[in-house]
């Protein structure tokens, strides 16, 4: 299969600017979203484009969006990392691993919308999307 059209070098720059805060490649980047070091070997261009544009409903296990509501009404959004009968552990939007006793929470809301922002055409042009996808296509692990 031919690599997607686009400039992978510019795509890497776009990734570092827009995506690496939450996503890791190699040993660099954030941990809120999945590690993308091998994404080029496991996802189609169409699937990646949908995810970047915010059209994909699938959320990888271990990254399910959740909002915790404390008894005083505070809402804490993040991704579920671990849960048992008595507690829940999330990574909040500042990438801090937080544990909460369920007895101290008013509600646990499973969110449908990913914590990943949608990069519509107003935030990422079609040309830049092609560049980003060209870069992601190169990520096949080591």
Protein backbone atom coordinates (compact mmCIF):
# COMPACT_ATOMS: atom_id res chain seq x y z
CA UNK A 1 0.00 0.00 0.00
CA UNK A 2 1.35 3.42 -0.96
CA UNK A 3 1.91 5.96 1.81
CA UNK A 4 -0.73 8.67 2.00
CA UNK A 5 -0.22 11.94 0.18
CA UNK A 6 1.23 14.64 2.34
CA UNK A 7 4.45 15.94 3.81
CA UNK A 8 5.41 13.71 6.75
CA UNK A 9 8.00 16.21 7.98
CA UNK A 10 5.36 18.93 8.33
CA UNK A 11 3.04 16.28 9.80
CA UNK A 12 5.57 15.59 12.54
CA UNK A 13 5.70 19.31 13.33
CA UNK A 14 1.89 19.41 13.47
CA UNK A 15 1.91 16.35 15.75
CA UNK A 16 4.42 17.92 18.15
CA UNK A 17 2.36 21.13 18.24
CA UNK A 18 -1.15 19.66 18.52
CA UNK A 19 -0.97 16.05 19.66
CA UNK A 20 2.14 15.29 21.72
CA UNK A 21 0.75 16.93 24.85
CA UNK A 22 -1.55 13.91 25.19
CA UNK A 23 -0.02 11.24 22.92
CA UNK A 24 3.37 9.60 23.18
CA UNK A 25 5.60 8.53 20.29
CA UNK A 26 8.69 6.63 21.33
CA UNK A 27 9.55 7.90 24.79
CA UNK A 28 8.29 11.45 24.28
CA UNK A 29 4.88 12.98 24.81
CA UNK A 30 1.92 12.80 27.12
CA UNK A 31 0.03 9.89 28.64
CA UNK A 32 -3.59 11.04 28.58
CA UNK A 33 -4.15 9.45 25.17
CA UNK A 34 -2.87 6.20 23.69
CA UNK A 35 0.77 5.71 22.68
CA UNK A 36 0.90 6.19 18.91
CA UNK A 37 4.36 4.71 18.29
CA UNK A 38 2.88 1.92 16.13
CA UNK A 39 -0.31 3.59 14.87
CA UNK A 40 0.87 3.48 11.24
CA UNK A 41 0.82 -0.31 11.19
CA UNK A 42 -2.60 -0.74 12.74
CA UNK A 43 -4.98 1.93 11.42
CA UNK A 44 -6.19 2.91 8.00
CA UNK A 45 -5.95 6.46 6.72
CA UNK A 46 -9.74 6.73 6.79
CA UNK A 47 -9.96 5.57 10.41
CA UNK A 48 -7.23 7.99 11.49
CA UNK A 49 -8.81 10.89 9.60
CA UNK A 50 -12.17 10.21 11.26
CA UNK A 51 -10.57 10.13 14.70
CA UNK A 52 -8.66 13.38 14.13
CA UNK A 53 -11.76 15.11 12.75
CA UNK A 54 -13.83 13.90 15.73
CA UNK A 55 -16.10 11.57 13.76
CA UNK A 56 -15.05 8.26 15.35
CA UNK A 57 -17.01 6.86 18.27
CA UNK A 58 -14.51 4.11 19.20
CA UNK A 59 -12.40 4.73 22.29
CA UNK A 60 -9.49 2.39 22.98
CA UNK A 61 -9.88 0.38 26.22
CA UNK A 62 -8.11 2.13 29.08
CA UNK A 63 -8.97 5.55 27.68
CA UNK A 64 -12.72 5.67 28.27
CA UNK A 65 -13.85 9.23 29.06
CA UNK A 66 -15.50 9.72 32.42
CA UNK A 67 -16.67 12.60 34.59
CA UNK A 68 -16.64 12.24 38.36
CA UNK A 69 -19.04 14.40 40.34
CA UNK A 70 -18.06 15.06 43.95
CA UNK A 71 -20.62 15.50 46.71
CA UNK A 72 -20.09 19.28 46.58
CA UNK A 73 -20.82 19.33 42.82
CA UNK A 74 -17.28 19.58 41.48
CA UNK A 75 -16.89 17.85 38.10
CA UNK A 76 -13.60 16.12 37.30
CA UNK A 77 -13.12 14.94 33.72
CA UNK A 78 -10.55 12.42 32.60
CA UNK A 79 -10.02 8.88 31.39
CA UNK A 80 -10.77 5.80 33.46
CA UNK A 81 -7.63 3.86 34.31
CA UNK A 82 -8.79 1.42 36.97
CA UNK A 83 -11.95 0.68 38.90
CA UNK A 84 -13.18 -1.79 41.47
CA UNK A 85 -16.22 -2.03 43.73
CA UNK A 86 -14.98 0.67 46.12
CA UNK A 87 -12.79 3.05 44.13
CA UNK A 88 -12.04 4.52 40.74
CA UNK A 89 -8.75 5.78 39.36
CA UNK A 90 -8.63 8.30 36.51
CA UNK A 91 -6.04 10.36 34.71
CA UNK A 92 -7.42 13.89 34.83
CA UNK A 93 -7.09 16.42 32.03
CA UNK A 94 -3.83 17.69 33.56
CA UNK A 95 -2.46 14.13 33.28
CA UNK A 96 -2.44 13.52 37.01
CA UNK A 97 -3.34 10.03 38.16
CA UNK A 98 -6.11 10.47 40.75
CA UNK A 99 -7.84 7.93 42.96
CA UNK A 100 -11.30 8.42 44.50
CA UNK A 101 -13.40 6.40 46.88
CA UNK A 102 -16.79 5.83 45.30
CA UNK A 103 -18.45 6.54 48.67
CA UNK A 104 -17.17 10.12 48.38
CA UNK A 105 -18.63 10.68 44.90
CA UNK A 106 -22.16 11.76 44.01
CA UNK A 107 -21.95 10.30 40.49
CA UNK A 108 -19.71 8.66 37.92
CA UNK A 109 -20.75 9.62 34.40
CA UNK A 110 -19.54 7.54 31.46
CA UNK A 111 -19.06 10.08 28.68
CA UNK A 112 -19.75 9.40 25.02
CA UNK A 113 -17.47 12.16 23.73
CA UNK A 114 -13.74 11.44 23.70
CA UNK A 115 -11.47 13.76 25.66
CA UNK A 116 -9.54 14.21 22.41
CA UNK A 117 -10.54 17.50 20.81
CA UNK A 118 -11.95 17.37 17.29
CA UNK A 119 -9.65 18.95 14.73
CA UNK A 120 -12.18 20.19 12.20
CA UNK A 121 -11.19 22.09 9.06
CA UNK A 122 -11.29 25.31 11.09
CA UNK A 123 -8.43 24.00 13.28
CA UNK A 124 -6.57 21.79 10.81
CA UNK A 125 -6.76 22.35 7.05
CA UNK A 126 -7.23 19.40 4.68
CA UNK A 127 -3.60 19.85 3.55
CA UNK A 128 -2.36 19.78 7.14
CA UNK A 129 -4.51 16.71 7.79
CA UNK A 130 -2.82 14.98 4.84
CA UNK A 131 0.57 15.93 6.30
CA UNK A 132 -0.37 14.66 9.77
CA UNK A 133 -1.67 11.38 8.32
CA UNK A 134 1.52 10.98 6.27
CA UNK A 135 3.52 11.30 9.51
CA UNK A 136 1.27 8.91 11.43
CA UNK A 137 1.67 6.40 8.59
CA UNK A 138 5.44 6.36 9.29
CA UNK A 139 4.89 5.32 12.93
CA UNK A 140 5.34 1.57 12.86
CA UNK A 141 7.31 0.98 16.06
CA UNK A 142 10.86 -0.24 16.31
